Every structure is written in C-alpha cells, then in structure tokens.
Amino acid sequence: MEQNGNVVKKTVAAGSKSERPAVMLQTDDGDYVLRIQGGNAFHDPRLEELVGKRIRARGELHGYTFLMDDWRVS
C-alpha cells in the first residue's frame, strides 16, 4: 500500500512505560509510527533525515505502525 504524508517527531504512548519520542507519518487517514523494514525500531538515522519532509511511502500497515520498504520525498 502507499501512503502520502508529512514526517514529524512526537511523543507516543504518553503516560505509559512505553512513552517515547517517535518518527511519525501524518496522513489524511491518521498518524502512524514510521519504521523502515529491517531498521532499528527505536532509532534509525534514515528516519531522522526525513523529519520535516513530505514523503510518498510504500509498505504495510500493522496497527498504528507503517512499516515502509520504499519512499520518495515529494
């Protein structure tokens, strides 16, 4: 599937033991934690470089996580 959106960094799971800053993809359908297939789940420098940009990403949606395998800055 493809998703278009803005890449931002914000806190997820606020108030829980899982609270952490995460790179997110904000789309018209909602906000998703963004991960790269095979990348580190907690810190991936490739994701950090995308913060503040608009992208078109291809991948799979798993709950509230979008696991992308390809993307393009638009």
PDB file of N, CA and C in Angstrom:
ATOM      1  N   MET A   1       0.835  -1.169   0.000  1.00  0.00           N
ATOM      2  CA  MET A   1       0.000   0.000   0.000  1.00  0.00           C
ATOM      3  C   MET A   1       0.881   1.233   0.000  1.00  0.00           C
ATOM      4  N   GLU A   2       0.333   2.346  -0.462  1.00  0.00           N
ATOM      5  CA  GLU A   2       1.056   3.609  -0.462  1.00  0.00           C
ATOM      6  C   GLU A   2       0.371   4.607   0.453  1.00  0.00           C
ATOM      7  N   GLN A   3       1.192   5.405   1.117  1.00  0.00           N
ATOM      8  CA  GLN A   3       0.701   6.481   1.979  1.00  0.00           C
ATOM      9  C   GLN A   3       1.486   7.745   1.664  1.00  0.00           C
ATOM     10  N   ASN A   4       0.797   8.863   1.642  1.00  0.00           N
ATOM     11  CA  ASN A   4       1.433  10.170   1.478  1.00  0.00           C
ATOM     12  C   ASN A   4       1.249  10.933   2.773  1.00  0.00           C
ATOM     13  N   GLY A   5       2.296  11.650   3.194  1.00  0.00           N
ATOM     14  CA  GLY A   5       2.132  12.441   4.395  1.00  0.00           C
ATOM     15  C   GLY A   5       3.391  13.168   4.802  1.00  0.00           C
ATOM     16  N   ASN A   6       3.257  13.878   5.918  1.00  0.00           N
ATOM     17  CA  ASN A   6       4.361  14.634   6.490  1.00  0.00           C
ATOM     18  C   ASN A   6       5.018  13.810   7.589  1.00  0.00           C
ATOM     19  N   VAL A   7       6.343  13.860   7.619  1.00  0.00           N
ATOM     20  CA  VAL A   7       7.099  13.131   8.637  1.00  0.00           C
ATOM     21  C   VAL A   7       7.399  14.093   9.782  1.00  0.00           C
ATOM     22  N   VAL A   8       6.996  13.710  10.986  1.00  0.00           N
ATOM     23  CA  VAL A   8       7.189  14.531  12.183  1.00  0.00           C
ATOM     24  C   VAL A   8       7.755  13.658  13.293  1.00  0.00           C
ATOM     25  N   LYS A   9       8.253  14.298  14.332  1.00  0.00           N
ATOM     26  CA  LYS A   9       8.706  13.552  15.511  1.00  0.00           C
ATOM     27  C   LYS A   9       7.880  14.032  16.687  1.00  0.00           C
ATOM     28  N   LYS A  10       7.244  13.086  17.377  1.00  0.00           N
ATOM     29  CA  LYS A  10       6.446  13.447  18.546  1.00  0.00           C
ATOM     30  C   LYS A  10       6.394  12.284  19.519  1.00  0.00           C
ATOM     31  N   THR A  11       5.890  12.565  20.709  1.00  0.00           N
ATOM     32  CA  THR A  11       5.807  11.552  21.759  1.00  0.00           C
ATOM     33  C   THR A  11       4.633  10.624  21.510  1.00  0.00           C
ATOM     34  N   VAL A  12       4.874   9.324  21.662  1.00  0.00           N
ATOM     35  CA  VAL A  12       3.805   8.324  21.569  1.00  0.00           C
ATOM     36  C   VAL A  12       3.678   7.612  22.906  1.00  0.00           C
ATOM     37  N   ALA A  13       2.509   7.052  23.150  1.00  0.00           N
ATOM     38  CA  ALA A  13       2.211   6.298  24.375  1.00  0.00           C
ATOM     39  C   ALA A  13       2.457   7.136  25.631  1.00  0.00           C
ATOM     40  N   ALA A  14       2.074   8.396  25.582  1.00  0.00           N
ATOM     41  CA  ALA A  14       2.297   9.307  26.706  1.00  0.00           C
ATOM     42  C   ALA A  14       1.701   8.754  27.997  1.00  0.00           C
ATOM     43  N   GLY A  15       2.463   8.857  29.070  1.00  0.00           N
ATOM     44  CA  GLY A  15       1.998   8.422  30.383  1.00  0.00           C
ATOM     45  C   GLY A  15       2.159   6.941  30.664  1.00  0.00           C
ATOM     46  N   SER A  16       2.651   6.176  29.693  1.00  0.00           N
ATOM     47  CA  SER A  16       2.835   4.739  29.908  1.00  0.00           C
ATOM     48  C   SER A  16       4.323   4.403  29.993  1.00  0.00           C
ATOM     49  N   LYS A  17       4.628   3.164  30.326  1.00  0.00           N
ATOM     50  CA  LYS A  17       6.022   2.724  30.351  1.00  0.00           C
ATOM     51  C   LYS A  17       6.629   2.726  28.953  1.00  0.00           C
ATOM     52  N   SER A  18       5.785   2.749  27.933  1.00  0.00           N
ATOM     53  CA  SER A  18       6.252   2.733  26.546  1.00  0.00           C
ATOM     54  C   SER A  18       6.418   4.136  25.961  1.00  0.00           C
ATOM     55  N   GLU A  19       6.221   5.180  26.775  1.00  0.00           N
ATOM     56  CA  GLU A  19       6.330   6.545  26.269  1.00  0.00           C
ATOM     57  C   GLU A  19       7.720   6.770  25.679  1.00  0.00           C
ATOM     58  N   ARG A  20       7.730   7.369  24.470  1.00  0.00           N
ATOM     59  CA  ARG A  20       8.998   7.630  23.797  1.00  0.00           C
ATOM     60  C   ARG A  20       8.767   8.600  22.645  1.00  0.00           C
ATOM     61  N   PRO A  21       9.831   9.286  22.226  1.00  0.00           N
ATOM     62  CA  PRO A  21       9.722  10.084  21.007  1.00  0.00           C
ATOM     63  C   PRO A  21       9.774   9.136  19.808  1.00  0.00           C
ATOM     64  N   ALA A  22       8.957   9.396  18.815  1.00  0.00           N
ATOM     65  CA  ALA A  22       8.927   8.517  17.639  1.00  0.00           C
ATOM     66  C   ALA A  22       8.765   9.343  16.378  1.00  0.00           C
ATOM     67  N   VAL A  23       9.331   8.843  15.298  1.00  0.00           N
ATOM     68  CA  VAL A  23       9.122   9.455  13.990  1.00  0.00           C
ATOM     69  C   VAL A  23       7.769   8.951  13.497  1.00  0.00           C
ATOM     70  N   MET A  24       6.917   9.895  13.090  1.00  0.00           N
ATOM     71  CA  MET A  24       5.542   9.574  12.711  1.00  0.00           C
ATOM     72  C   MET A  24       5.269  10.043  11.287  1.00  0.00           C
ATOM     73  N   LEU A  25       4.350   9.350  10.621  1.00  0.00           N
ATOM     74  CA  LEU A  25       3.858   9.768   9.318  1.00  0.00           C
ATOM     75  C   LEU A  25       2.433  10.271   9.523  1.00  0.00           C
ATOM     76  N   GLN A  26       2.215  11.571   9.274  1.00  0.00           N
ATOM     77  CA  GLN A  26       0.889  12.166   9.406  1.00  0.00           C
ATOM     78  C   GLN A  26       0.222  12.133   8.038  1.00  0.00           C
ATOM     79  N   THR A  27      -0.896  11.395   7.946  1.00  0.00           N
ATOM     80  CA  THR A  27      -1.626  11.263   6.684  1.00  0.00           C
ATOM     81  C   THR A  27      -3.053  11.758   6.879  1.00  0.00           C
ATOM     82  N   ASP A  28      -3.805  11.801   5.797  1.00  0.00           N
ATOM     83  CA  ASP A  28      -5.219  12.172   5.886  1.00  0.00           C
ATOM     84  C   ASP A  28      -6.004  11.112   6.657  1.00  0.00           C
ATOM     85  N   ASP A  29      -5.501   9.875   6.679  1.00  0.00           N
ATOM     86  CA  ASP A  29      -6.185   8.771   7.358  1.00  0.00           C
ATOM     87  C   ASP A  29      -5.821   8.658   8.833  1.00  0.00           C
ATOM     88  N   GLY A  30      -4.769   9.355   9.268  1.00  0.00           N
ATOM     89  CA  GLY A  30      -4.323   9.275  10.657  1.00  0.00           C
ATOM     90  C   GLY A  30      -2.815   9.364  10.758  1.00  0.00           C
ATOM     91  N   ASP A  31      -2.327   9.252  11.992  1.00  0.00           N
ATOM     92  CA  ASP A  31      -0.896   9.301  12.265  1.00  0.00           C
ATOM     93  C   ASP A  31      -0.393   7.900  12.569  1.00  0.00           C
ATOM     94  N   TYR A  32       0.755   7.567  11.992  1.00  0.00           N
ATOM     95  CA  TYR A  32       1.334   6.230  12.168  1.00  0.00           C
ATOM     96  C   TYR A  32       2.790   6.332  12.585  1.00  0.00           C
ATOM     97  N   VAL A  33       3.204   5.455  13.506  1.00  0.00           N
ATOM     98  CA  VAL A  33       4.626   5.332  13.815  1.00  0.00           C
ATOM     99  C   VAL A  33       5.293   4.804  12.556  1.00  0.00           C
ATOM    100  N   LEU A  34       6.368   5.453  12.164  1.00  0.00           N
ATOM    101  CA  LEU A  34       7.034   5.118  10.910  1.00  0.00           C
ATOM    102  C   LEU A  34       8.276   4.284  11.189  1.00  0.00           C
ATOM    103  N   ARG A  35       8.395   3.172  10.489  1.00  0.00           N
ATOM    104  CA  ARG A  35       9.578   2.314  10.595  1.00  0.00           C
ATOM    105  C   ARG A  35      10.012   1.899   9.204  1.00  0.00           C
ATOM    106  N   ILE A  36      11.285   1.583   9.082  1.00  0.00           N
ATOM    107  CA  ILE A  36      11.830   1.064   7.835  1.00  0.00           C
ATOM    108  C   ILE A  36      12.026  -0.435   7.990  1.00  0.00           C
ATOM    109  N   GLN A  37      11.555  -1.182   7.008  1.00  0.00           N
ATOM    110  CA  GLN A  37      11.708  -2.647   7.013  1.00  0.00           C
ATOM    111  C   GLN A  37      13.160  -2.998   7.301  1.00  0.00           C
ATOM    112  N   GLY A  38      13.391  -3.765   8.360  1.00  0.00           N
ATOM    113  CA  GLY A  38      14.736  -4.198   8.729  1.00  0.00           C
ATOM    114  C   GLY A  38      15.517  -3.183   9.541  1.00  0.00           C
ATOM    115  N   GLY A  39      14.931  -1.996   9.775  1.00  0.00           N
ATOM    116  CA  GLY A  39      15.626  -0.949  10.526  1.00  0.00           C
ATOM    117  C   GLY A  39      15.415  -1.082  12.022  1.00  0.00           C
ATOM    118  N   ASN A  40      16.180  -0.316  12.775  1.00  0.00           N
ATOM    119  CA  ASN A  40      16.068  -0.300  14.222  1.00  0.00           C
ATOM    120  C   ASN A  40      14.715   0.287  14.620  1.00  0.00           C
ATOM    121  N   ALA A  41      14.029  -0.372  15.514  1.00  0.00           N
ATOM    122  CA  ALA A  41      12.682   0.055  15.913  1.00  0.00           C
ATOM    123  C   ALA A  41      12.684   1.312  16.775  1.00  0.00           C
ATOM    124  N   PHE A  42      13.802   1.638  17.424  1.00  0.00           N
ATOM    125  CA  PHE A  42      13.820   2.769  18.348  1.00  0.00           C
ATOM    126  C   PHE A  42      14.622   3.965  17.849  1.00  0.00           C
ATOM    127  N   HIS A  43      15.597   3.751  16.989  1.00  0.00           N
ATOM    128  CA  HIS A  43      16.357   4.873  16.439  1.00  0.00           C
ATOM    129  C   HIS A  43      16.956   4.466  15.097  1.00  0.00           C
ATOM    130  N   ASP A  44      16.493   5.125  14.048  1.00  0.00           N
ATOM    131  CA  ASP A  44      17.001   4.852  12.706  1.00  0.00           C
ATOM    132  C   ASP A  44      17.384   6.193  12.081  1.00  0.00           C
ATOM    133  N   PRO A  45      18.680   6.426  11.862  1.00  0.00           N
ATOM    134  CA  PRO A  45      19.122   7.710  11.303  1.00  0.00           C
ATOM    135  C   PRO A  45      18.460   8.049   9.963  1.00  0.00           C
ATOM    136  N   ARG A  46      18.093   7.041   9.188  1.00  0.00           N
ATOM    137  CA  ARG A  46      17.427   7.296   7.902  1.00  0.00           C
ATOM    138  C   ARG A  46      16.067   7.946   8.125  1.00  0.00           C
ATOM    139  N   LEU A  47      15.368   7.554   9.190  1.00  0.00           N
ATOM    140  CA  LEU A  47      14.081   8.175   9.503  1.00  0.00           C
ATOM    141  C   LEU A  47      14.277   9.599  10.007  1.00  0.00           C
ATOM    142  N   GLU A  48      15.295   9.804  10.835  1.00  0.00           N
ATOM    143  CA  GLU A  48      15.566  11.138  11.368  1.00  0.00           C
ATOM    144  C   GLU A  48      15.778  12.148  10.235  1.00  0.00           C
ATOM    145  N   GLU A  49      16.402  11.724   9.144  1.00  0.00           N
ATOM    146  CA  GLU A  49      16.650  12.608   7.995  1.00  0.00           C
ATOM    147  C   GLU A  49      15.355  13.020   7.291  1.00  0.00           C
ATOM    148  N   LEU A  50      14.283  12.248   7.484  1.00  0.00           N
ATOM    149  CA  LEU A  50      13.013  12.539   6.821  1.00  0.00           C
ATOM    150  C   LEU A  50      12.123  13.499   7.609  1.00  0.00           C
ATOM    151  N   VAL A  51      12.451  13.737   8.891  1.00  0.00           N
ATOM    152  CA  VAL A  51      11.632  14.618   9.727  1.00  0.00           C
ATOM    153  C   VAL A  51      11.567  16.000   9.083  1.00  0.00           C
ATOM    154  N   GLY A  52      10.350  16.519   8.959  1.00  0.00           N
ATOM    155  CA  GLY A  52      10.118  17.824   8.364  1.00  0.00           C
ATOM    156  C   GLY A  52       9.856  17.779   6.865  1.00  0.00           C
ATOM    157  N   LYS A  53       9.869  16.581   6.290  1.00  0.00           N
ATOM    158  CA  LYS A  53       9.646  16.446   4.853  1.00  0.00           C
ATOM    159  C   LYS A  53       8.319  15.755   4.566  1.00  0.00           C
ATOM    160  N   ARG A  54       7.834  15.934   3.369  1.00  0.00           N
ATOM    161  CA  ARG A  54       6.636  15.229   2.893  1.00  0.00           C
ATOM    162  C   ARG A  54       7.118  14.078   2.032  1.00  0.00           C
ATOM    163  N   ILE A  55       6.558  12.875   2.266  1.00  0.00           N
ATOM    164  CA  ILE A  55       7.001  11.702   1.517  1.00  0.00           C
ATOM    165  C   ILE A  55       5.821  10.921   0.952  1.00  0.00           C
ATOM    166  N   ARG A  56       6.124  10.107  -0.025  1.00  0.00           N
ATOM    167  CA  ARG A  56       5.219   9.072  -0.516  1.00  0.00           C
ATOM    168  C   ARG A  56       5.919   7.764  -0.171  1.00  0.00           C
ATOM    169  N   ALA A  57       5.280   6.967   0.669  1.00  0.00           N
ATOM    170  CA  ALA A  57       5.896   5.741   1.174  1.00  0.00           C
ATOM    171  C   ALA A  57       5.107   4.517   0.740  1.00  0.00           C
ATOM    172  N   ARG A  58       5.826   3.447   0.466  1.00  0.00           N
ATOM    173  CA  ARG A  58       5.194   2.171   0.137  1.00  0.00           C
ATOM    174  C   ARG A  58       5.574   1.175   1.223  1.00  0.00           C
ATOM    175  N   GLY A  59       4.586   0.419   1.696  1.00  0.00           N
ATOM    176  CA  GLY A  59       4.853  -0.550   2.746  1.00  0.00           C
ATOM    177  C   GLY A  59       3.575  -1.199   3.236  1.00  0.00           C
ATOM    178  N   GLU A  60       3.623  -1.642   4.491  1.00  0.00           N
ATOM    179  CA  GLU A  60       2.492  -2.350   5.102  1.00  0.00           C
ATOM    180  C   GLU A  60       2.089  -1.670   6.401  1.00  0.00           C
ATOM    181  N   LEU A  61       0.803  -1.621   6.635  1.00  0.00           N
ATOM    182  CA  LEU A  61       0.269  -1.055   7.864  1.00  0.00           C
ATOM    183  C   LEU A  61       0.028  -2.190   8.857  1.00  0.00           C
ATOM    184  N   HIS A  62       0.607  -2.050  10.050  1.00  0.00           N
ATOM    185  CA  HIS A  62       0.438  -3.026  11.132  1.00  0.00           C
ATOM    186  C   HIS A  62      -0.057  -2.272  12.358  1.00  0.00           C
ATOM    187  N   GLY A  63      -1.366  -2.253  12.547  1.00  0.00           N
ATOM    188  CA  GLY A  63      -1.939  -1.487  13.658  1.00  0.00           C
ATOM    189  C   GLY A  63      -1.686  -0.010  13.453  1.00  0.00           C
ATOM    190  N   TYR A  64      -0.935   0.603  14.370  1.00  0.00           N
ATOM    191  CA  TYR A  64      -0.625   2.026  14.239  1.00  0.00           C
ATOM    192  C   TYR A  64       0.812   2.249  13.742  1.00  0.00           C
ATOM    193  N   THR A  65       1.450   1.216  13.196  1.00  0.00           N
ATOM    194  CA  THR A  65       2.802   1.316  12.661  1.00  0.00           C
ATOM    195  C   THR A  65       2.776   1.121  11.156  1.00  0.00           C
ATOM    196  N   PHE A  66       3.420   2.045  10.429  1.00  0.00           N
ATOM    197  CA  PHE A  66       3.571   1.891   8.992  1.00  0.00           C
ATOM    198  C   PHE A  66       5.003   1.444   8.745  1.00  0.00           C
ATOM    199  N   LEU A  67       5.144   0.205   8.276  1.00  0.00           N
ATOM    200  CA  LEU A  67       6.454  -0.410   8.016  1.00  0.00           C
ATOM    201  C   LEU A  67       6.753  -0.235   6.539  1.00  0.00           C
ATOM    202  N   MET A  68       7.627   0.730   6.231  1.00  0.00           N
ATOM    203  CA  MET A  68       7.854   1.036   4.809  1.00  0.00           C
ATOM    204  C   MET A  68       9.076   0.328   4.270  1.00  0.00           C
ATOM    205  N   ASP A  69       8.977  -0.024   2.993  1.00  0.00           N
ATOM    206  CA  ASP A  69      10.111  -0.648   2.323  1.00  0.00           C
ATOM    207  C   ASP A  69      10.671   0.235   1.218  1.00  0.00           C
ATOM    208  N   ASP A  70       9.953   1.307   0.873  1.00  0.00           N
ATOM    209  CA  ASP A  70      10.428   2.243  -0.138  1.00  0.00           C
ATOM    210  C   ASP A  70       9.743   3.592   0.089  1.00  0.00           C
ATOM    211  N   TRP A  71      10.423   4.683  -0.217  1.00  0.00           N
ATOM    212  CA  TRP A  71       9.840   6.007  -0.057  1.00  0.00           C
ATOM    213  C   TRP A  71      10.510   6.985  -1.001  1.00  0.00           C
ATOM    214  N   ARG A  72       9.794   8.093  -1.190  1.00  0.00           N
ATOM    215  CA  ARG A  72      10.299   9.157  -2.053  1.00  0.00           C
ATOM    216  C   ARG A  72       9.854  10.482  -1.432  1.00  0.00           C
ATOM    217  N   VAL A  73      10.786  11.413  -1.322  1.00  0.00           N
ATOM    218  CA  VAL A  73      10.455  12.747  -0.834  1.00  0.00           C
ATOM    219  C   VAL A  73       9.696  13.447  -1.950  1.00  0.00           C
ATOM    220  N   SER A  74       8.545  14.024  -1.588  1.00  0.00           N
ATOM    221  CA  SER A  74       7.740  14.697  -2.623  1.00  0.00           C
ATOM    222  C   SER A  74       7.666  16.183  -2.402  1.00  0.00           C
TER     223      SER A  74
END
